[in-house]
C-alpha atoms as a PDB file:
ATOM      1  CA  MET A   1      37.166 -36.512  -2.733  1.00  0.00           C
ATOM      2  CA  LYS A   2      34.052 -35.976  -4.839  1.00  0.00           C
ATOM      3  CA  THR A   3      34.029 -39.561  -6.095  1.00  0.00           C
ATOM      4  CA  SER A   4      34.419 -40.956  -2.584  1.00  0.00           C
ATOM      5  CA  TYR A   5      31.607 -38.769  -1.325  1.00  0.00           C
ATOM      6  CA  LEU A   6      29.252 -40.014  -4.054  1.00  0.00           C
ATOM      7  CA  ILE A   7      30.074 -43.607  -3.128  1.00  0.00           C
ATOM      8  CA  LEU A   8      29.385 -42.784   0.492  1.00  0.00           C
ATOM      9  CA  ALA A   9      26.058 -41.184  -0.317  1.00  0.00           C
ATOM     10  CA  SER A  10      24.837 -44.124  -2.346  1.00  0.00           C
ATOM     11  CA  ALA A  11      26.178 -46.919  -0.158  1.00  0.00           C
ATOM     12  CA  ALA A  12      26.290 -45.779   3.431  1.00  0.00           C
ATOM     13  CA  LEU A  13      22.941 -44.026   3.470  1.00  0.00           C
ATOM     14  CA  LEU A  14      20.990 -46.844   1.888  1.00  0.00           C
ATOM     15  CA  ALA A  15      22.746 -50.139   2.511  1.00  0.00           C
ATOM     16  CA  THR A  16      22.761 -50.556   6.261  1.00  0.00           C
ATOM     17  CA  ALA A  17      20.549 -49.440   9.103  1.00  0.00           C
ATOM     18  CA  CYS A  18      21.137 -49.295  12.806  1.00  0.00           C
ATOM     19  CA  ASN A  19      20.429 -52.807  14.039  1.00  0.00           C
ATOM     20  CA  ALA A  20      16.903 -52.920  15.478  1.00  0.00           C
ATOM     21  CA  GLU A  21      16.759 -56.698  16.001  1.00  0.00           C
ATOM     22  CA  LYS A  22      18.629 -57.318  19.194  1.00  0.00           C
ATOM     23  CA  GLY A  23      16.929 -60.606  20.012  1.00  0.00           C
ATOM     24  CA  ALA A  24      17.039 -62.402  23.331  1.00  0.00           C
ATOM     25  CA  GLY A  25      20.163 -63.381  25.163  1.00  0.00           C
ATOM     26  CA  ASN A  26      21.896 -63.680  28.473  1.00  0.00           C
ATOM     27  CA  SER A  27      25.428 -63.632  29.802  1.00  0.00           C
ATOM     28  CA  THR A  28      25.716 -67.376  30.337  1.00  0.00           C
ATOM     29  CA  GLY A  29      28.294 -69.553  28.676  1.00  0.00           C
ATOM     30  CA  PRO A  30      31.371 -71.526  29.654  1.00  0.00           C
ATOM     31  CA  GLU A  31      33.317 -70.336  32.649  1.00  0.00           C
ATOM     32  CA  VAL A  32      36.425 -68.397  31.686  1.00  0.00           C
ATOM     33  CA  THR A  33      39.368 -70.461  32.885  1.00  0.00           C
ATOM     34  CA  ALA A  34      42.094 -68.902  30.724  1.00  0.00           C
ATOM     35  CA  ALA A  35      44.860 -67.302  32.724  1.00  0.00           C
ATOM     36  CA  PRO A  36      45.409 -63.558  32.264  1.00  0.00           C
ATOM     37  CA  VAL A  37      48.288 -62.550  30.012  1.00  0.00           C
ATOM     38  CA  ALA A  38      50.732 -60.102  31.562  1.00  0.00           C
ATOM     39  CA  ALA A  39      50.912 -56.753  29.796  1.00  0.00           C
ATOM     40  CA  PRO A  40      54.299 -55.179  28.981  1.00  0.00           C
ATOM     41  CA  ASN A  41      56.042 -53.487  31.908  1.00  0.00           C
ATOM     42  CA  ASN A  42      53.351 -54.759  34.285  1.00  0.00           C
ATOM     43  CA  GLY A  43      50.938 -52.381  32.604  1.00  0.00           C
ATOM     44  CA  ASP A  44      47.324 -52.538  31.513  1.00  0.00           C
ATOM     45  CA  TRP A  45      46.453 -54.001  28.123  1.00  0.00           C
ATOM     46  CA  SER A  46      43.579 -51.528  27.712  1.00  0.00           C
ATOM     47  CA  THR A  47      46.080 -48.663  27.480  1.00  0.00           C
ATOM     48  CA  ILE A  48      47.716 -50.188  24.404  1.00  0.00           C
ATOM     49  CA  VAL A  49      45.936 -48.942  21.267  1.00  0.00           C
ATOM     50  CA  THR A  50      47.089 -49.361  17.667  1.00  0.00           C
ATOM     51  CA  LYS A  51      45.612 -48.445  14.309  1.00  0.00           C
ATOM     52  CA  THR A  52      44.997 -51.507  12.160  1.00  0.00           C
ATOM     53  CA  PRO A  53      45.641 -51.957   8.427  1.00  0.00           C
ATOM     54  CA  GLU A  54      41.847 -52.138   7.944  1.00  0.00           C
ATOM     55  CA  GLY A  55      41.482 -48.618   9.349  1.00  0.00           C
ATOM     56  CA  GLY A  56      40.127 -49.476  12.776  1.00  0.00           C
ATOM     57  CA  PHE A  57      41.630 -48.883  16.209  1.00  0.00           C
ATOM     58  CA  MET A  58      42.512 -51.914  18.313  1.00  0.00           C
ATOM     59  CA  MET A  59      42.763 -51.933  22.086  1.00  0.00           C
ATOM     60  CA  GLY A  60      44.614 -54.653  23.948  1.00  0.00           C
ATOM     61  CA  ASN A  61      46.850 -57.641  23.375  1.00  0.00           C
ATOM     62  CA  PRO A  62      47.487 -58.020  19.617  1.00  0.00           C
ATOM     63  CA  ASN A  63      48.142 -61.732  20.189  1.00  0.00           C
ATOM     64  CA  ALA A  64      45.006 -62.354  22.263  1.00  0.00           C
ATOM     65  CA  LYS A  65      43.282 -65.683  21.700  1.00  0.00           C
ATOM     66  CA  VAL A  66      40.036 -63.901  20.844  1.00  0.00           C
ATOM     67  CA  LYS A  67      40.073 -61.008  18.414  1.00  0.00           C
ATOM     68  CA  LEU A  68      36.843 -59.025  18.602  1.00  0.00           C
ATOM     69  CA  VAL A  69      35.939 -56.450  15.958  1.00  0.00           C
ATOM     70  CA  GLU A  70      32.962 -54.109  16.251  1.00  0.00           C
ATOM     71  CA  PHE A  71      31.475 -52.300  13.251  1.00  0.00           C
ATOM     72  CA  GLY A  72      29.828 -49.287  14.848  1.00  0.00           C
ATOM     73  CA  SER A  73      28.076 -46.106  13.764  1.00  0.00           C
ATOM     74  CA  MET A  74      28.319 -42.856  15.713  1.00  0.00           C
ATOM     75  CA  THR A  75      24.647 -42.065  14.955  1.00  0.00           C
ATOM     76  CA  CYS A  76      23.292 -45.505  15.887  1.00  0.00           C
ATOM     77  CA  PRO A  77      21.427 -45.646  19.241  1.00  0.00           C
ATOM     78  CA  HIS A  78      21.992 -49.400  19.551  1.00  0.00           C
ATOM     79  CA  CYS A  79      25.734 -48.805  19.246  1.00  0.00           C
ATOM     80  CA  ALA A  80      25.505 -46.187  21.988  1.00  0.00           C
ATOM     81  CA  GLU A  81      23.603 -48.684  24.131  1.00  0.00           C
ATOM     82  CA  PHE A  82      26.301 -51.305  23.596  1.00  0.00           C
ATOM     83  CA  GLU A  83      28.951 -48.781  24.598  1.00  0.00           C
ATOM     84  CA  GLU A  84      26.996 -47.894  27.735  1.00  0.00           C
ATOM     85  CA  ARG A  85      26.283 -51.450  28.852  1.00  0.00           C
ATOM     86  CA  GLY A  86      28.967 -53.576  27.285  1.00  0.00           C
ATOM     87  CA  ALA A  87      32.200 -51.620  26.998  1.00  0.00           C
ATOM     88  CA  LYS A  88      33.124 -51.640  30.687  1.00  0.00           C
ATOM     89  CA  PRO A  89      32.642 -55.398  31.310  1.00  0.00           C
ATOM     90  CA  LEU A  90      34.298 -56.185  27.983  1.00  0.00           C
ATOM     91  CA  ILE A  91      37.359 -54.119  28.841  1.00  0.00           C
ATOM     92  CA  ASP A  92      37.547 -54.940  32.559  1.00  0.00           C
ATOM     93  CA  ASN A  93      36.930 -58.684  32.304  1.00  0.00           C
ATOM     94  CA  TYR A  94      38.583 -59.559  29.000  1.00  0.00           C
ATOM     95  CA  VAL A  95      40.689 -56.832  27.369  1.00  0.00           C
ATOM     96  CA  LYS A  96      42.641 -55.761  30.438  1.00  0.00           C
ATOM     97  CA  LYS A  97      43.502 -59.419  31.094  1.00  0.00           C
ATOM     98  CA  GLY A  98      44.977 -59.834  27.622  1.00  0.00           C
ATOM     99  CA  LEU A  99      42.398 -62.479  26.683  1.00  0.00           C
ATOM    100  CA  VAL A 100      40.543 -60.418  24.076  1.00  0.00           C
ATOM    101  CA  SER A 101      41.652 -57.654  21.722  1.00  0.00           C
ATOM    102  CA  TYR A 102      38.929 -55.152  20.845  1.00  0.00           C
ATOM    103  CA  GLU A 103      38.975 -53.349  17.511  1.00  0.00           C
ATOM    104  CA  PHE A 104      36.449 -50.674  16.561  1.00  0.00           C
ATOM    105  CA  ARG A 105      35.860 -49.991  12.869  1.00  0.00           C
ATOM    106  CA  ASN A 106      33.706 -47.010  11.976  1.00  0.00           C
ATOM    107  CA  PHE A 107      30.762 -47.893   9.748  1.00  0.00           C
ATOM    108  CA  VAL A 108      29.362 -44.574   8.562  1.00  0.00           C
ATOM    109  CA  ARG A 109      25.680 -44.348   7.640  1.00  0.00           C
ATOM    110  CA  ASP A 110      25.276 -40.663   6.701  1.00  0.00           C
ATOM    111  CA  PRO A 111      27.224 -37.380   6.514  1.00  0.00           C
ATOM    112  CA  TYR A 112      26.529 -36.685  10.203  1.00  0.00           C
ATOM    113  CA  ASP A 113      28.145 -39.993  11.057  1.00  0.00           C
ATOM    114  CA  VAL A 114      31.144 -39.092   8.896  1.00  0.00           C
ATOM    115  CA  ALA A 115      31.653 -35.769  10.699  1.00  0.00           C
ATOM    116  CA  ALA A 116      31.507 -37.407  14.130  1.00  0.00           C
ATOM    117  CA  SER A 117      33.799 -40.247  13.040  1.00  0.00           C
ATOM    118  CA  LEU A 118      36.391 -37.854  11.637  1.00  0.00           C
ATOM    119  CA  LEU A 119      36.531 -36.041  14.967  1.00  0.00           C
ATOM    120  CA  ALA A 120      36.726 -39.293  16.947  1.00  0.00           C
ATOM    121  CA  ARG A 121      39.699 -40.322  14.815  1.00  0.00           C
ATOM    122  CA  CYS A 122      41.299 -36.860  14.908  1.00  0.00           C
ATOM    123  CA  GLY A 123      43.691 -37.537  17.788  1.00  0.00           C
ATOM    124  CA  GLY A 124      44.709 -40.997  16.609  1.00  0.00           C
ATOM    125  CA  GLU A 125      45.425 -43.866  18.973  1.00  0.00           C
ATOM    126  CA  ALA A 126      45.827 -41.699  22.066  1.00  0.00           C
ATOM    127  CA  SER A 127      42.264 -40.418  22.153  1.00  0.00           C
ATOM    128  CA  PHE A 128      40.142 -42.524  19.784  1.00  0.00           C
ATOM    129  CA  PHE A 129      38.361 -44.675  22.341  1.00  0.00           C
ATOM    130  CA  GLY A 130      37.864 -41.801  24.768  1.00  0.00           C
ATOM    131  CA  LEU A 131      36.358 -39.537  22.106  1.00  0.00           C
ATOM    132  CA  THR A 132      34.196 -42.362  20.782  1.00  0.00           C
ATOM    133  CA  ARG A 133      32.927 -43.072  24.282  1.00  0.00           C
ATOM    134  CA  GLY A 134      32.114 -39.396  24.778  1.00  0.00           C
ATOM    135  CA  LEU A 135      30.295 -39.101  21.455  1.00  0.00           C
ATOM    136  CA  TYR A 136      28.116 -42.058  22.347  1.00  0.00           C
ATOM    137  CA  ALA A 137      27.407 -40.710  25.826  1.00  0.00           C
ATOM    138  CA  ASP A 138      26.328 -37.349  24.344  1.00  0.00           C
ATOM    139  CA  GLN A 139      24.698 -38.835  21.237  1.00  0.00           C
ATOM    140  CA  ARG A 140      21.149 -37.676  22.009  1.00  0.00           C
ATOM    141  CA  ASP A 141      22.377 -34.143  22.665  1.00  0.00           C
ATOM    142  CA  TRP A 142      24.356 -33.568  19.474  1.00  0.00           C
ATOM    143  CA  ILE A 143      21.900 -35.417  17.243  1.00  0.00           C
ATOM    144  CA  GLY A 144      19.120 -33.400  18.870  1.00  0.00           C
ATOM    145  CA  LYS A 145      20.903 -30.195  17.839  1.00  0.00           C
ATOM    146  CA  ILE A 146      20.974 -31.408  14.241  1.00  0.00           C
ATOM    147  CA  GLN A 147      17.285 -32.303  14.348  1.00  0.00           C
ATOM    148  CA  ALA A 148      16.434 -28.881  15.798  1.00  0.00           C
ATOM    149  CA  ALA A 149      18.550 -26.951  13.288  1.00  0.00           C
ATOM    150  CA  ASP A 150      17.109 -24.452  10.816  1.00  0.00           C
ATOM    151  CA  PRO A 151      15.806 -26.572   7.888  1.00  0.00           C
ATOM    152  CA  ALA A 152      17.195 -24.062   5.401  1.00  0.00           C
ATOM    153  CA  LYS A 153      20.681 -24.468   6.887  1.00  0.00           C
ATOM    154  CA  VAL A 154      20.429 -28.243   6.706  1.00  0.00           C
ATOM    155  CA  GLN A 155      19.129 -28.033   3.124  1.00  0.00           C
ATOM    156  CA  GLY A 156      22.111 -25.858   2.263  1.00  0.00           C
ATOM    157  CA  LEU A 157      24.465 -28.716   3.062  1.00  0.00           C
ATOM    158  CA  GLN A 158      23.605 -30.287  -0.273  1.00  0.00           C
ATOM    159  CA  THR A 159      25.327 -27.501  -2.220  1.00  0.00           C
ATOM    160  CA  MET A 160      28.579 -27.686  -0.246  1.00  0.00           C
ATOM    161  CA  THR A 161      31.769 -29.587  -0.910  1.00  0.00           C
ATOM    162  CA  PRO A 162      32.328 -32.564   1.412  1.00  0.00           C
ATOM    163  CA  ALA A 163      34.840 -30.653   3.546  1.00  0.00           C
ATOM    164  CA  GLN A 164      32.453 -27.699   3.925  1.00  0.00           C
ATOM    165  CA  GLN A 165      29.575 -30.041   4.668  1.00  0.00           C
ATOM    166  CA  PHE A 166      31.320 -31.971   7.424  1.00  0.00           C
ATOM    167  CA  SER A 167      32.605 -28.755   8.994  1.00  0.00           C
ATOM    168  CA  THR A 168      29.140 -27.203   8.966  1.00  0.00           C
ATOM    169  CA  ILE A 169      27.575 -30.335  10.427  1.00  0.00           C
ATOM    170  CA  ALA A 170      30.123 -30.262  13.236  1.00  0.00           C
ATOM    171  CA  ASP A 171      29.231 -26.618  13.914  1.00  0.00           C
ATOM    172  CA  ILE A 172      25.481 -27.313  13.917  1.00  0.00           C
ATOM    173  CA  ALA A 173      25.887 -30.285  16.260  1.00  0.00           C
ATOM    174  CA  GLY A 174      28.315 -28.532  18.600  1.00  0.00           C
ATOM    175  CA  LEU A 175      30.917 -31.189  17.896  1.00  0.00           C
ATOM    176  CA  LYS A 176      33.831 -28.789  17.543  1.00  0.00           C
ATOM    177  CA  GLN A 177      33.161 -27.449  21.014  1.00  0.00           C
ATOM    178  CA  PHE A 178      32.784 -31.026  22.258  1.00  0.00           C
ATOM    179  CA  ALA A 179      36.173 -31.933  20.774  1.00  0.00           C
ATOM    180  CA  ALA A 180      37.864 -28.775  22.053  1.00  0.00           C
ATOM    181  CA  MET A 181      36.801 -29.601  25.599  1.00  0.00           C
ATOM    182  CA  ARG A 182      38.512 -32.979  25.159  1.00  0.00           C
ATOM    183  CA  GLY A 183      41.857 -31.797  23.846  1.00  0.00           C
ATOM    184  CA  VAL A 184      41.228 -31.272  20.131  1.00  0.00           C
ATOM    185  CA  PRO A 185      41.708 -27.565  19.264  1.00  0.00           C
ATOM    186  CA  ARG A 186      39.307 -26.060  16.734  1.00  0.00           C
ATOM    187  CA  ALA A 187      42.010 -25.628  14.092  1.00  0.00           C
ATOM    188  CA  LYS A 188      42.922 -29.296  14.358  1.00  0.00           C
ATOM    189  CA  ALA A 189      39.248 -30.305  14.248  1.00  0.00           C
ATOM    190  CA  ASP A 190      38.775 -28.268  11.057  1.00  0.00           C
ATOM    191  CA  ALA A 191      41.791 -29.980   9.503  1.00  0.00           C
ATOM    192  CA  CYS A 192      40.488 -33.427  10.422  1.00  0.00           C
ATOM    193  CA  LEU A 193      37.037 -32.672   9.012  1.00  0.00           C
ATOM    194  CA  ALA A 194      38.680 -31.773   5.689  1.00  0.00           C
ATOM    195  CA  ASN A 195      41.145 -34.676   5.662  1.00  0.00           C
ATOM    196  CA  GLU A 196      40.569 -36.343   2.294  1.00  0.00           C
ATOM    197  CA  SER A 197      42.653 -39.385   3.201  1.00  0.00           C
ATOM    198  CA  GLU A 198      40.564 -40.091   6.302  1.00  0.00           C
ATOM    199  CA  ILE A 199      37.304 -39.526   4.418  1.00  0.00           C
ATOM    200  CA  ASN A 200      38.431 -41.976   1.741  1.00  0.00           C
ATOM    201  CA  GLN A 201      39.415 -44.481   4.402  1.00  0.00           C
ATOM    202  CA  LEU A 202      35.966 -44.324   5.995  1.00  0.00           C
ATOM    203  CA  VAL A 203      34.402 -44.955   2.593  1.00  0.00           C
ATOM    204  CA  GLN A 204      36.774 -47.861   1.954  1.00  0.00           C
ATOM    205  CA  MET A 205      36.013 -49.360   5.370  1.00  0.00           C
ATOM    206  CA  ASN A 206      32.308 -49.328   4.517  1.00  0.00           C
ATOM    207  CA  SER A 207      32.970 -50.977   1.177  1.00  0.00           C
ATOM    208  CA  ASP A 208      35.199 -53.649   2.727  1.00  0.00           C
ATOM    209  CA  ALA A 209      32.708 -54.407   5.511  1.00  0.00           C
ATOM    210  CA  ALA A 210      29.833 -54.756   3.062  1.00  0.00           C
ATOM    211  CA  SER A 211      31.690 -56.823   0.468  1.00  0.00           C
ATOM    212  CA  THR A 212      33.668 -59.052   2.828  1.00  0.00           C
ATOM    213  CA  TYR A 213      31.251 -59.603   5.722  1.00  0.00           C
ATOM    214  CA  ASN A 214      27.842 -58.458   4.426  1.00  0.00           C
ATOM    215  CA  ILE A 215      27.286 -56.442   7.604  1.00  0.00           C
ATOM    216  CA  PRO A 216      23.525 -56.587   8.400  1.00  0.00           C
ATOM    217  CA  GLY A 217      23.407 -53.534  10.674  1.00  0.00           C
ATOM    218  CA  THR A 218      25.215 -51.799  13.482  1.00  0.00           C
ATOM    219  CA  PRO A 219      26.610 -52.805  15.796  1.00  0.00           C
ATOM    220  CA  SER A 220      27.915 -55.986  14.207  1.00  0.00           C
ATOM    221  CA  PHE A 221      30.767 -58.083  15.537  1.00  0.00           C
ATOM    222  CA  LEU A 222      33.477 -60.405  14.259  1.00  0.00           C
ATOM    223  CA  ILE A 223      35.062 -62.995  16.516  1.00  0.00           C
ATOM    224  CA  ASN A 224      38.331 -64.240  15.071  1.00  0.00           C
ATOM    225  CA  GLY A 225      37.314 -63.064  11.625  1.00  0.00           C
ATOM    226  CA  THR A 226      33.814 -64.567  11.561  1.00  0.00           C
ATOM    227  CA  LEU A 227      30.625 -62.515  11.681  1.00  0.00           C
ATOM    228  CA  VAL A 228      28.560 -63.462  14.726  1.00  0.00           C
ATOM    229  CA  ASP A 229      24.771 -63.454  14.301  1.00  0.00           C
ATOM    230  CA  GLN A 230      22.351 -61.732  16.677  1.00  0.00           C
ATOM    231  CA  THR A 231      24.882 -59.969  18.870  1.00  0.00           C
ATOM    232  CA  ALA A 232      23.690 -56.371  19.033  1.00  0.00           C
ATOM    233  CA  ALA A 233      23.772 -56.395  22.847  1.00  0.00           C
ATOM    234  CA  TRP A 234      26.389 -57.350  25.413  1.00  0.00           C
ATOM    235  CA  ASP A 235      24.318 -60.174  26.936  1.00  0.00           C
ATOM    236  CA  GLN A 236      24.269 -61.800  23.493  1.00  0.00           C
ATOM    237  CA  LEU A 237      27.916 -61.202  22.708  1.00  0.00           C
ATOM    238  CA  GLU A 238      29.562 -62.271  25.966  1.00  0.00           C
ATOM    239  CA  PRO A 239      28.557 -65.967  25.672  1.00  0.00           C
ATOM    240  CA  LYS A 240      30.137 -66.014  22.202  1.00  0.00           C
ATOM    241  CA  ILE A 241      33.352 -64.577  23.622  1.00  0.00           C
ATOM    242  CA  LYS A 242      33.366 -67.215  26.371  1.00  0.00           C
ATOM    243  CA  GLU A 243      32.826 -69.995  23.818  1.00  0.00           C
ATOM    244  CA  ALA A 244      35.754 -68.727  21.743  1.00  0.00           C
ATOM    245  CA  LEU A 245      37.994 -68.581  24.815  1.00  0.00           C
ATOM    246  CA  ALA A 246      36.988 -72.116  25.794  1.00  0.00           C
ATOM    247  CA  SER A 247      37.581 -73.623  22.354  1.00  0.00           C
END
């Protein structure tokens, strides 16, 4: 675990920032004429969630014409803004209809991000998107608790093992209580925060995203495997989705 943590510290903290260049955009683009794809058992595609080989969680039709991947950070305000403004129209208008699959891959930028990501992933497919949504909605609150914490306590994190560090961060930020209120008991949260396999996977996901796609910031998006430029906001991303559906 120590080696993975050192990689995380040197890569995630320094390589990528929360995307501050959102640019201009609007929700124009070709009209969506593709017919909805029926979900199994007359269900809802947005209720079908699977973990991908890359380590992300995918919602929707695995055979959708458009495969959307988001690289997102739990501590990034622009990612929280995308969740607030873009997630509902994305899911309602495209994912539920089976036209687009939506995969979220955690891109961790600091130890606080790691702790939050480990808790979001703690319940697996059943609760990942719900916990992620909640963490973004409460982002200012739990990050504010970290910022207001006793500096000596924060400084003490540097002498801890990774498992101790992530657990202490979750305590400082109130994230264990947050998770417990959403169906993740404290004992399970502690186990997830110390899960070496999951920590290593987060580190590997960062490495893969940087080496394969040269992610410029968060959020960043792939459409059918290709990085899309200047799409930090929903009004920039939706036209790209429409173009892919029309092609």
